[in-house]
Protein backbone atom coordinates (compact mmCIF):
# COMPACT_ATOMS: atom_id res chain seq x y z
CA UNK A 1 50.04 49.76 106.92
CA UNK A 2 48.60 53.11 105.94
CA UNK A 3 51.04 54.56 108.45
CA UNK A 4 53.86 53.10 107.11
CA UNK A 5 52.78 54.39 103.79
CA UNK A 6 52.32 57.89 105.15
CA UNK A 7 55.77 57.77 106.68
CA UNK A 8 57.19 56.63 103.50
CA UNK A 9 55.63 59.57 101.64
CA UNK A 10 56.98 61.92 103.80
CA UNK A 11 60.44 60.62 103.82
CA UNK A 12 60.22 60.39 100.04
CA UNK A 13 59.01 64.33 99.81
CA UNK A 14 61.88 65.43 102.45
CA UNK A 15 64.60 63.60 100.48
CA UNK A 16 63.33 65.22 97.26
CA UNK A 17 63.58 68.76 98.97
CA UNK A 18 66.87 68.01 100.04
CA UNK A 19 68.01 66.91 96.66
CA UNK A 20 66.76 69.97 95.03
CA UNK A 21 68.82 71.93 97.59
CA UNK A 22 71.80 69.95 96.92
CA UNK A 23 71.13 70.51 93.04
CA UNK A 24 70.98 74.46 93.95
CA UNK A 25 74.38 74.43 95.80
CA UNK A 26 76.09 72.51 93.26
CA UNK A 27 74.82 74.89 90.49
CA UNK A 28 75.96 77.59 92.70
CA UNK A 29 79.41 76.12 93.23
CA UNK A 30 79.72 75.47 89.60
CA UNK A 31 78.98 79.28 89.04
CA UNK A 32 81.74 80.49 91.26
CA UNK A 33 84.43 78.07 90.00
CA UNK A 34 83.48 79.27 86.51
CA UNK A 35 83.81 83.09 87.65
CA UNK A 36 86.97 82.47 89.67
CA UNK A 37 90.21 83.18 87.59
CA UNK A 38 92.46 80.60 87.24
CA UNK A 39 94.33 80.20 84.23
CA UNK A 40 97.51 82.66 83.03
CA UNK A 41 95.98 85.18 81.05
CA UNK A 42 99.17 85.19 78.26
CA UNK A 43 102.00 83.50 77.54
CA UNK A 44 105.35 84.75 78.30
CA UNK A 45 107.77 85.44 81.35
CA UNK A 46 107.09 86.97 84.50
CA UNK A 47 108.96 90.13 84.54
CA UNK A 48 107.63 91.81 87.89
CA UNK A 49 105.54 90.24 90.64
CA UNK A 50 102.87 91.50 92.90
CA UNK A 51 104.26 93.55 96.04
CA UNK A 52 106.55 96.28 96.75
CA UNK A 53 109.41 96.97 94.22
CA UNK A 54 111.47 99.77 93.23
CA UNK A 55 109.89 101.68 90.57
CA UNK A 56 111.55 101.66 87.27
CA UNK A 57 110.84 105.31 86.66
CA UNK A 58 111.27 106.81 89.83
CA UNK A 59 113.41 104.40 91.69
CA UNK A 60 111.21 104.73 94.75
CA UNK A 61 109.71 101.75 96.84
CA UNK A 62 106.17 101.26 95.76
CA UNK A 63 103.18 98.73 95.50
CA UNK A 64 103.26 96.93 91.92
CA UNK A 65 99.63 96.00 92.30
CA UNK A 66 99.57 93.33 89.83
CA UNK A 67 101.79 90.79 87.57
CA UNK A 68 103.76 91.87 84.44
CA UNK A 69 103.76 88.95 82.19
CA UNK A 70 106.22 89.76 79.02
CA UNK A 71 105.84 88.98 75.80
CA UNK A 72 105.73 89.77 72.10
CA UNK A 73 103.44 92.29 70.71
CA UNK A 74 100.45 90.86 69.52
CA UNK A 75 100.38 87.75 71.38
CA UNK A 76 96.75 87.11 72.63
CA UNK A 77 95.45 87.87 76.15
CA UNK A 78 92.51 85.54 77.29
CA UNK A 79 89.87 85.93 79.89
CA UNK A 80 91.23 83.70 82.99
CA UNK A 81 87.32 83.13 83.87
CA UNK A 82 83.68 83.80 82.98
CA UNK A 83 82.60 87.48 83.39
CA UNK A 84 81.31 90.59 81.84
CA UNK A 85 83.29 93.33 80.57
CA UNK A 86 83.10 96.37 82.88
CA UNK A 87 85.25 98.75 80.76
CA UNK A 88 87.64 99.18 77.63
CA UNK A 89 89.56 102.42 78.39
CA UNK A 90 92.72 104.15 77.80
CA UNK A 91 94.94 105.68 80.79
CA UNK A 92 97.86 107.68 80.36
CA UNK A 93 99.67 105.17 82.68
CA UNK A 94 98.17 101.77 81.84
CA UNK A 95 97.43 102.35 78.23
CA UNK A 96 94.66 100.61 76.90
CA UNK A 97 92.97 98.38 79.47
CA UNK A 98 90.22 95.85 80.14
CA UNK A 99 88.24 95.32 83.28
CA UNK A 100 86.24 92.07 83.61
CA UNK A 101 83.73 91.55 86.33
CA UNK A 102 83.50 88.06 87.59
CA UNK A 103 80.99 88.41 90.22
CA UNK A 104 81.20 87.50 93.86
CA UNK A 105 83.62 90.28 94.42
CA UNK A 106 86.19 89.50 91.95
CA UNK A 107 87.57 91.70 88.94
CA UNK A 108 90.56 91.34 86.71
CA UNK A 109 92.43 94.27 85.10
CA UNK A 110 94.30 94.14 81.78
CA UNK A 111 96.89 97.00 81.10
CA UNK A 112 99.11 98.07 78.31
CA UNK A 113 97.12 96.40 75.71
CA UNK A 114 97.82 96.75 71.72
CA UNK A 115 94.28 95.69 70.61
CA UNK A 116 91.26 94.87 72.29
CA UNK A 117 88.65 92.52 71.02
CA UNK A 118 85.92 92.92 73.36
CA UNK A 119 83.26 95.75 74.29
CA UNK A 120 81.98 97.09 77.35
CA UNK A 121 78.95 94.99 78.54
CA UNK A 122 80.16 91.70 76.66
CA UNK A 123 80.04 88.45 78.48
CA UNK A 124 83.31 86.57 78.10
CA UNK A 125 84.05 82.95 78.74
CA UNK A 126 87.20 81.42 80.24
CA UNK A 127 89.66 81.01 77.59
CA UNK A 128 88.21 83.38 75.25
CA UNK A 129 90.79 85.90 73.69
CA UNK A 130 89.93 89.60 74.75
CA UNK A 131 93.09 91.66 73.59
CA UNK A 132 96.49 91.47 72.67
CA UNK A 133 99.85 92.15 74.31
CA UNK A 134 101.22 95.55 73.86
CA UNK A 135 103.14 98.46 75.15
CA UNK A 136 100.76 101.44 75.32
CA UNK A 137 100.84 103.90 78.30
CA UNK A 138 103.81 104.10 80.98
CA UNK A 139 105.90 100.90 80.27
CA UNK A 140 109.47 100.11 79.84
CA UNK A 141 108.65 97.22 77.03
CA UNK A 142 105.96 95.25 75.59
CA UNK A 143 104.14 93.34 78.29
CA UNK A 144 100.58 92.61 79.79
CA UNK A 145 100.22 93.93 83.14
CA UNK A 146 97.46 91.87 85.12
CA UNK A 147 95.58 92.69 88.18
CA UNK A 148 92.87 90.67 90.35
CA UNK A 149 90.80 92.74 92.69
CA UNK A 150 88.85 91.04 95.43
CA UNK A 151 86.21 93.38 96.72
CA UNK A 152 87.81 96.49 95.11
CA UNK A 153 91.70 95.46 96.79
CA UNK A 154 94.32 94.26 94.71
CA UNK A 155 95.43 90.65 95.55
CA UNK A 156 98.22 88.63 94.35
CA UNK A 157 97.40 87.19 90.77
CA UNK A 158 99.83 84.07 91.42
CA UNK A 159 97.58 82.69 94.31
CA UNK A 160 94.64 82.30 91.62
CA UNK A 161 96.73 80.83 88.55
CA UNK A 162 96.37 77.10 88.77
CA UNK A 163 97.73 76.01 85.31
């Protein structure tokens, strides 16, 4: 009987350790999901997709590293996932920009912004308004240029948009 109780205590301890490990795994998965871009960053219509295209400025074939979402000036731009603002900057080509680090090798870039509502180092949550659609920098009209980088390499944002 004492051996059975010892075995039972041992089994309970093992199951407790397994449950603790399972909870850690589930928490990590929850964090990964919260930090993975999965929603449209702005409302509008897609005027240019990811991939090779003829440049509207040079008429030469070039890689378009993101997705252009045309919309009205001042329309909200939202964070598609939780993250931390890596930079708020201005660039001759991209105009006003915001870069968000989502962790796990993922970063998103937002360009041609009219107004920016976040600061470098600020934590953001999915669906939080971070900026407004604009036409700053080198552009043919009002739109959001949206990029997703995985380990520093641009990837097709449409593969991440689920809604």
